[in-house]
Amino acid sequence: MPRNLESVGLITRLFPDAPILLIRRDPVETCLSLYRQEFSRDWSFAHGLVDLGRAYGLSARFAAHWAGPCRGA
């Protein structure tokens, strides 16, 4: 799900040895796929392509942060 990265901090606190897998897809394909879905209005970023682009960028920054020393492994 698009917002799962928001929970990585909590997951690593609750389960310090849990592996976190990040699967990356093409950004354009990912955003278009999300745009075509009918998410609830609670997911305000999923209803506009500009907002989806910003959300994707934020997710990429979250992923880079949590990858930390494991980056490139």
PDB file of N, CA and C in Angstrom:
ATOM      1  N   MET A   1       0.844  -1.190   0.000  1.00  0.00           N
ATOM      2  CA  MET A   1       0.000   0.000   0.000  1.00  0.00           C
ATOM      3  C   MET A   1       0.889   1.252   0.000  1.00  0.00           C
ATOM      4  N   PRO A   2       0.393   2.307  -0.575  1.00  0.00           N
ATOM      5  CA  PRO A   2       1.217   3.504  -0.736  1.00  0.00           C
ATOM      6  C   PRO A   2       1.731   4.117   0.559  1.00  0.00           C
ATOM      7  N   ARG A   3       1.006   3.959   1.633  1.00  0.00           N
ATOM      8  CA  ARG A   3       1.396   4.632   2.873  1.00  0.00           C
ATOM      9  C   ARG A   3       2.112   3.724   3.864  1.00  0.00           C
ATOM     10  N   ASN A   4       2.489   2.536   3.459  1.00  0.00           N
ATOM     11  CA  ASN A   4       3.134   1.608   4.385  1.00  0.00           C
ATOM     12  C   ASN A   4       4.457   2.129   4.939  1.00  0.00           C
ATOM     13  N   LEU A   5       5.173   2.918   4.168  1.00  0.00           N
ATOM     14  CA  LEU A   5       6.462   3.433   4.643  1.00  0.00           C
ATOM     15  C   LEU A   5       6.309   4.287   5.893  1.00  0.00           C
ATOM     16  N   GLU A   6       5.143   4.861   6.091  1.00  0.00           N
ATOM     17  CA  GLU A   6       4.909   5.680   7.279  1.00  0.00           C
ATOM     18  C   GLU A   6       4.984   4.861   8.557  1.00  0.00           C
ATOM     19  N   SER A   7       4.831   3.553   8.453  1.00  0.00           N
ATOM     20  CA  SER A   7       4.810   2.683   9.630  1.00  0.00           C
ATOM     21  C   SER A   7       6.149   2.011   9.922  1.00  0.00           C
ATOM     22  N   VAL A   8       7.151   2.234   9.104  1.00  0.00           N
ATOM     23  CA  VAL A   8       8.428   1.534   9.280  1.00  0.00           C
ATOM     24  C   VAL A   8       9.050   1.845  10.633  1.00  0.00           C
ATOM     25  N   GLY A   9       8.999   3.085  11.083  1.00  0.00           N
ATOM     26  CA  GLY A   9       9.569   3.444  12.383  1.00  0.00           C
ATOM     27  C   GLY A   9       8.941   2.648  13.512  1.00  0.00           C
ATOM     28  N   LEU A  10       7.618   2.556  13.510  1.00  0.00           N
ATOM     29  CA  LEU A  10       6.915   1.784  14.533  1.00  0.00           C
ATOM     30  C   LEU A  10       7.263   0.299  14.430  1.00  0.00           C
ATOM     31  N   ILE A  11       7.300  -0.215  13.219  1.00  0.00           N
ATOM     32  CA  ILE A  11       7.619  -1.636  13.025  1.00  0.00           C
ATOM     33  C   ILE A  11       9.014  -1.947  13.559  1.00  0.00           C
ATOM     34  N   THR A  12       9.991  -1.074  13.261  1.00  0.00           N
ATOM     35  CA  THR A  12      11.349  -1.344  13.731  1.00  0.00           C
ATOM     36  C   THR A  12      11.461  -1.236  15.251  1.00  0.00           C
ATOM     37  N   ARG A  13      10.623  -0.441  15.865  1.00  0.00           N
ATOM     38  CA  ARG A  13      10.604  -0.356  17.343  1.00  0.00           C
ATOM     39  C   ARG A  13       9.984  -1.604  17.958  1.00  0.00           C
ATOM     40  N   LEU A  14       8.857  -2.036  17.387  1.00  0.00           N
ATOM     41  CA  LEU A  14       8.158  -3.198  17.928  1.00  0.00           C
ATOM     42  C   LEU A  14       8.871  -4.511  17.614  1.00  0.00           C
ATOM     43  N   PHE A  15       9.451  -4.578  16.426  1.00  0.00           N
ATOM     44  CA  PHE A  15      10.098  -5.809  15.955  1.00  0.00           C
ATOM     45  C   PHE A  15      11.479  -5.466  15.395  1.00  0.00           C
ATOM     46  N   PRO A  16      12.463  -5.246  16.264  1.00  0.00           N
ATOM     47  CA  PRO A  16      13.770  -4.764  15.805  1.00  0.00           C
ATOM     48  C   PRO A  16      14.466  -5.678  14.800  1.00  0.00           C
ATOM     49  N   ASP A  17      14.186  -6.963  14.824  1.00  0.00           N
ATOM     50  CA  ASP A  17      14.845  -7.894  13.908  1.00  0.00           C
ATOM     51  C   ASP A  17      14.015  -8.198  12.657  1.00  0.00           C
ATOM     52  N   ALA A  18      12.880  -7.540  12.524  1.00  0.00           N
ATOM     53  CA  ALA A  18      12.011  -7.801  11.373  1.00  0.00           C
ATOM     54  C   ALA A  18      12.652  -7.263  10.098  1.00  0.00           C
ATOM     55  N   PRO A  19      12.686  -8.070   9.063  1.00  0.00           N
ATOM     56  CA  PRO A  19      13.211  -7.552   7.794  1.00  0.00           C
ATOM     57  C   PRO A  19      12.183  -6.624   7.141  1.00  0.00           C
ATOM     58  N   ILE A  20      12.656  -5.568   6.566  1.00  0.00           N
ATOM     59  CA  ILE A  20      11.803  -4.628   5.841  1.00  0.00           C
ATOM     60  C   ILE A  20      12.226  -4.710   4.375  1.00  0.00           C
ATOM     61  N   LEU A  21      11.312  -5.108   3.530  1.00  0.00           N
ATOM     62  CA  LEU A  21      11.604  -5.234   2.104  1.00  0.00           C
ATOM     63  C   LEU A  21      10.986  -4.066   1.356  1.00  0.00           C
ATOM     64  N   LEU A  22      11.755  -3.453   0.510  1.00  0.00           N
ATOM     65  CA  LEU A  22      11.259  -2.353  -0.304  1.00  0.00           C
ATOM     66  C   LEU A  22      11.329  -2.786  -1.761  1.00  0.00           C
ATOM     67  N   ILE A  23      10.186  -2.825  -2.385  1.00  0.00           N
ATOM     68  CA  ILE A  23      10.098  -3.166  -3.793  1.00  0.00           C
ATOM     69  C   ILE A  23       9.829  -1.868  -4.544  1.00  0.00           C
ATOM     70  N   ARG A  24      10.706  -1.521  -5.450  1.00  0.00           N
ATOM     71  CA  ARG A  24      10.544  -0.274  -6.210  1.00  0.00           C
ATOM     72  C   ARG A  24      10.001  -0.563  -7.597  1.00  0.00           C
ATOM     73  N   ARG A  25       9.054   0.258  -7.994  1.00  0.00           N
ATOM     74  CA  ARG A  25       8.485   0.191  -9.343  1.00  0.00           C
ATOM     75  C   ARG A  25       8.785   1.497 -10.056  1.00  0.00           C
ATOM     76  N   ASP A  26       8.557   1.499 -11.330  1.00  0.00           N
ATOM     77  CA  ASP A  26       8.725   2.710 -12.112  1.00  0.00           C
ATOM     78  C   ASP A  26       7.817   3.798 -11.545  1.00  0.00           C
ATOM     79  N   PRO A  27       8.350   4.994 -11.249  1.00  0.00           N
ATOM     80  CA  PRO A  27       7.525   6.053 -10.641  1.00  0.00           C
ATOM     81  C   PRO A  27       6.303   6.429 -11.467  1.00  0.00           C
ATOM     82  N   VAL A  28       6.442   6.532 -12.778  1.00  0.00           N
ATOM     83  CA  VAL A  28       5.303   6.917 -13.619  1.00  0.00           C
ATOM     84  C   VAL A  28       4.222   5.844 -13.579  1.00  0.00           C
ATOM     85  N   GLU A  29       4.628   4.594 -13.731  1.00  0.00           N
ATOM     86  CA  GLU A  29       3.659   3.497 -13.681  1.00  0.00           C
ATOM     87  C   GLU A  29       2.975   3.423 -12.321  1.00  0.00           C
ATOM     88  N   THR A  30       3.738   3.626 -11.263  1.00  0.00           N
ATOM     89  CA  THR A  30       3.172   3.581  -9.914  1.00  0.00           C
ATOM     90  C   THR A  30       2.130   4.672  -9.719  1.00  0.00           C
ATOM     91  N   CYS A  31       2.469   5.903 -10.088  1.00  0.00           N
ATOM     92  CA  CYS A  31       1.533   7.016  -9.900  1.00  0.00           C
ATOM     93  C   CYS A  31       0.292   6.866 -10.773  1.00  0.00           C
ATOM     94  N   LEU A  32       0.461   6.435 -12.012  1.00  0.00           N
ATOM     95  CA  LEU A  32      -0.714   6.230 -12.872  1.00  0.00           C
ATOM     96  C   LEU A  32      -1.606   5.115 -12.338  1.00  0.00           C
ATOM     97  N   SER A  33      -0.991   4.067 -11.804  1.00  0.00           N
ATOM     98  CA  SER A  33      -1.771   2.973 -11.227  1.00  0.00           C
ATOM     99  C   SER A  33      -2.590   3.468 -10.032  1.00  0.00           C
ATOM    100  N   LEU A  34      -1.978   4.261  -9.173  1.00  0.00           N
ATOM    101  CA  LEU A  34      -2.693   4.809  -8.017  1.00  0.00           C
ATOM    102  C   LEU A  34      -3.798   5.760  -8.458  1.00  0.00           C
ATOM    103  N   TYR A  35      -3.509   6.563  -9.478  1.00  0.00           N
ATOM    104  CA  TYR A  35      -4.470   7.543  -9.970  1.00  0.00           C
ATOM    105  C   TYR A  35      -5.731   6.862 -10.501  1.00  0.00           C
ATOM    106  N   ARG A  36      -5.570   5.689 -11.077  1.00  0.00           N
ATOM    107  CA  ARG A  36      -6.709   4.969 -11.667  1.00  0.00           C
ATOM    108  C   ARG A  36      -7.584   4.277 -10.616  1.00  0.00           C
ATOM    109  N   GLN A  37      -7.083   4.144  -9.399  1.00  0.00           N
ATOM    110  CA  GLN A  37      -7.850   3.483  -8.347  1.00  0.00           C
ATOM    111  C   GLN A  37      -8.807   4.480  -7.691  1.00  0.00           C
ATOM    112  N   GLU A  38      -9.855   3.968  -7.103  1.00  0.00           N
ATOM    113  CA  GLU A  38     -10.814   4.832  -6.416  1.00  0.00           C
ATOM    114  C   GLU A  38     -10.572   4.754  -4.917  1.00  0.00           C
ATOM    115  N   PHE A  39      -9.527   5.460  -4.468  1.00  0.00           N
ATOM    116  CA  PHE A  39      -9.239   5.523  -3.042  1.00  0.00           C
ATOM    117  C   PHE A  39     -10.223   6.474  -2.377  1.00  0.00           C
ATOM    118  N   SER A  40     -10.377   6.319  -1.077  1.00  0.00           N
ATOM    119  CA  SER A  40     -11.282   7.213  -0.355  1.00  0.00           C
ATOM    120  C   SER A  40     -10.708   8.631  -0.361  1.00  0.00           C
ATOM    121  N   ARG A  41     -11.533   9.577  -0.049  1.00  0.00           N
ATOM    122  CA  ARG A  41     -11.106  10.979   0.002  1.00  0.00           C
ATOM    123  C   ARG A  41     -10.092  11.213   1.122  1.00  0.00           C
ATOM    124  N   ASP A  42      -9.949  10.261   2.042  1.00  0.00           N
ATOM    125  CA  ASP A  42      -8.941  10.381   3.097  1.00  0.00           C
ATOM    126  C   ASP A  42      -7.537  10.345   2.500  1.00  0.00           C
ATOM    127  N   TRP A  43      -7.425   9.784   1.328  1.00  0.00           N
ATOM    128  CA  TRP A  43      -6.143   9.711   0.622  1.00  0.00           C
ATOM    129  C   TRP A  43      -6.106  10.848  -0.395  1.00  0.00           C
ATOM    130  N   SER A  44      -6.042  12.063   0.085  1.00  0.00           N
ATOM    131  CA  SER A  44      -6.163  13.229  -0.790  1.00  0.00           C
ATOM    132  C   SER A  44      -5.096  13.264  -1.871  1.00  0.00           C
ATOM    133  N   PHE A  45      -3.915  12.707  -1.608  1.00  0.00           N
ATOM    134  CA  PHE A  45      -2.846  12.736  -2.596  1.00  0.00           C
ATOM    135  C   PHE A  45      -3.115  11.835  -3.797  1.00  0.00           C
ATOM    136  N   ALA A  46      -4.060  10.908  -3.683  1.00  0.00           N
ATOM    137  CA  ALA A  46      -4.296   9.914  -4.740  1.00  0.00           C
ATOM    138  C   ALA A  46      -5.281  10.392  -5.809  1.00  0.00           C
ATOM    139  N   HIS A  47      -5.697  11.636  -5.756  1.00  0.00           N
ATOM    140  CA  HIS A  47      -6.716  12.108  -6.688  1.00  0.00           C
ATOM    141  C   HIS A  47      -6.201  13.132  -7.698  1.00  0.00           C
ATOM    142  N   GLY A  48      -4.916  13.438  -7.637  1.00  0.00           N
ATOM    143  CA  GLY A  48      -4.324  14.374  -8.593  1.00  0.00           C
ATOM    144  C   GLY A  48      -2.911  13.947  -8.927  1.00  0.00           C
ATOM    145  N   LEU A  49      -2.539  14.078 -10.182  1.00  0.00           N
ATOM    146  CA  LEU A  49      -1.220  13.610 -10.604  1.00  0.00           C
ATOM    147  C   LEU A  49      -0.084  14.409  -9.968  1.00  0.00           C
ATOM    148  N   VAL A  50      -0.257  15.707  -9.788  1.00  0.00           N
ATOM    149  CA  VAL A  50       0.785  16.512  -9.143  1.00  0.00           C
ATOM    150  C   VAL A  50       0.957  16.058  -7.697  1.00  0.00           C
ATOM    151  N   ASP A  51      -0.152  15.852  -7.003  1.00  0.00           N
ATOM    152  CA  ASP A  51      -0.083  15.388  -5.616  1.00  0.00           C
ATOM    153  C   ASP A  51       0.545  14.004  -5.522  1.00  0.00           C
ATOM    154  N   LEU A  52       0.230  13.143  -6.480  1.00  0.00           N
ATOM    155  CA  LEU A  52       0.837  11.813  -6.501  1.00  0.00           C
ATOM    156  C   LEU A  52       2.343  11.900  -6.692  1.00  0.00           C
ATOM    157  N   GLY A  53       2.788  12.794  -7.559  1.00  0.00           N
ATOM    158  CA  GLY A  53       4.221  12.985  -7.761  1.00  0.00           C
ATOM    159  C   GLY A  53       4.917  13.427  -6.490  1.00  0.00           C
ATOM    160  N   ARG A  54       4.292  14.356  -5.772  1.00  0.00           N
ATOM    161  CA  ARG A  54       4.863  14.823  -4.499  1.00  0.00           C
ATOM    162  C   ARG A  54       4.893  13.697  -3.471  1.00  0.00           C
ATOM    163  N   ALA A  55       3.810  12.933  -3.398  1.00  0.00           N
ATOM    164  CA  ALA A  55       3.743  11.819  -2.447  1.00  0.00           C
ATOM    165  C   ALA A  55       4.789  10.758  -2.785  1.00  0.00           C
ATOM    166  N   TYR A  56       4.999  10.517  -4.070  1.00  0.00           N
ATOM    167  CA  TYR A  56       6.020   9.547  -4.472  1.00  0.00           C
ATOM    168  C   TYR A  56       7.404  10.030  -4.042  1.00  0.00           C
ATOM    169  N   GLY A  57       7.669  11.309  -4.227  1.00  0.00           N
ATOM    170  CA  GLY A  57       8.948  11.878  -3.790  1.00  0.00           C
ATOM    171  C   GLY A  57       9.145  11.746  -2.296  1.00  0.00           C
ATOM    172  N   LEU A  58       8.091  12.002  -1.530  1.00  0.00           N
ATOM    173  CA  LEU A  58       8.164  11.849  -0.080  1.00  0.00           C
ATOM    174  C   LEU A  58       8.425  10.393   0.290  1.00  0.00           C
ATOM    175  N   SER A  59       7.762   9.476  -0.390  1.00  0.00           N
ATOM    176  CA  SER A  59       7.988   8.051  -0.126  1.00  0.00           C
ATOM    177  C   SER A  59       9.430   7.668  -0.433  1.00  0.00           C
ATOM    178  N   ALA A  60       9.994   8.218  -1.487  1.00  0.00           N
ATOM    179  CA  ALA A  60      11.389   7.931  -1.827  1.00  0.00           C
ATOM    180  C   ALA A  60      12.318   8.436  -0.733  1.00  0.00           C
ATOM    181  N   ARG A  61      12.006   9.604  -0.157  1.00  0.00           N
ATOM    182  CA  ARG A  61      12.830  10.120   0.949  1.00  0.00           C
ATOM    183  C   ARG A  61      12.688   9.254   2.194  1.00  0.00           C
ATOM    184  N   PHE A  62      11.456   8.799   2.498  1.00  0.00           N
ATOM    185  CA  PHE A  62      11.250   7.869   3.616  1.00  0.00           C
ATOM    186  C   PHE A  62      12.093   6.614   3.402  1.00  0.00           C
ATOM    187  N   ALA A  63      12.023   6.058   2.210  1.00  0.00           N
ATOM    188  CA  ALA A  63      12.743   4.822   1.907  1.00  0.00           C
ATOM    189  C   ALA A  63      14.247   5.024   2.071  1.00  0.00           C
ATOM    190  N   ALA A  64      14.773   6.130   1.583  1.00  0.00           N
ATOM    191  CA  ALA A  64      16.208   6.407   1.718  1.00  0.00           C
ATOM    192  C   ALA A  64      16.598   6.549   3.181  1.00  0.00           C
ATOM    193  N   HIS A  65      15.735   7.192   3.956  1.00  0.00           N
ATOM    194  CA  HIS A  65      16.019   7.353   5.391  1.00  0.00           C
ATOM    195  C   HIS A  65      16.087   6.008   6.083  1.00  0.00           C
ATOM    196  N   TRP A  66      15.092   5.153   5.865  1.00  0.00           N
ATOM    197  CA  TRP A  66      15.057   3.887   6.571  1.00  0.00           C
ATOM    198  C   TRP A  66      16.058   2.869   6.023  1.00  0.00           C
ATOM    199  N   ALA A  67      16.489   3.053   4.781  1.00  0.00           N
ATOM    200  CA  ALA A  67      17.519   2.159   4.247  1.00  0.00           C
ATOM    201  C   ALA A  67      18.837   2.404   4.971  1.00  0.00           C
ATOM    202  N   GLY A  68      19.095   3.657   5.343  1.00  0.00           N
ATOM    203  CA  GLY A  68      20.267   4.012   6.115  1.00  0.00           C
ATOM    204  C   GLY A  68      21.529   3.286   5.688  1.00  0.00           C
ATOM    205  N   PRO A  69      22.182   2.612   6.639  1.00  0.00           N
ATOM    206  CA  PRO A  69      23.446   1.942   6.328  1.00  0.00           C
ATOM    207  C   PRO A  69      23.258   0.728   5.419  1.00  0.00           C
ATOM    208  N   CYS A  70      22.036   0.261   5.231  1.00  0.00           N
ATOM    209  CA  CYS A  70      21.796  -0.905   4.387  1.00  0.00           C
ATOM    210  C   CYS A  70      21.668  -0.516   2.928  1.00  0.00           C
ATOM    211  N   ARG A  71      21.693   0.767   2.631  1.00  0.00           N
ATOM    212  CA  ARG A  71      21.497   1.242   1.267  1.00  0.00           C
ATOM    213  C   ARG A  71      22.451   0.537   0.319  1.00  0.00           C
ATOM    214  N   GLY A  72      21.894   0.084  -0.775  1.00  0.00           N
ATOM    215  CA  GLY A  72      22.702  -0.581  -1.782  1.00  0.00           C
ATOM    216  C   GLY A  72      22.913  -2.053  -1.521  1.00  0.00           C
ATOM    217  N   ALA A  73      22.403  -2.566  -0.426  1.00  0.00           N
ATOM    218  CA  ALA A  73      22.594  -3.987  -0.118  1.00  0.00           C
ATOM    219  C   ALA A  73      21.650  -4.844  -0.896  1.00  0.00           C
TER     220      ALA A  73
END
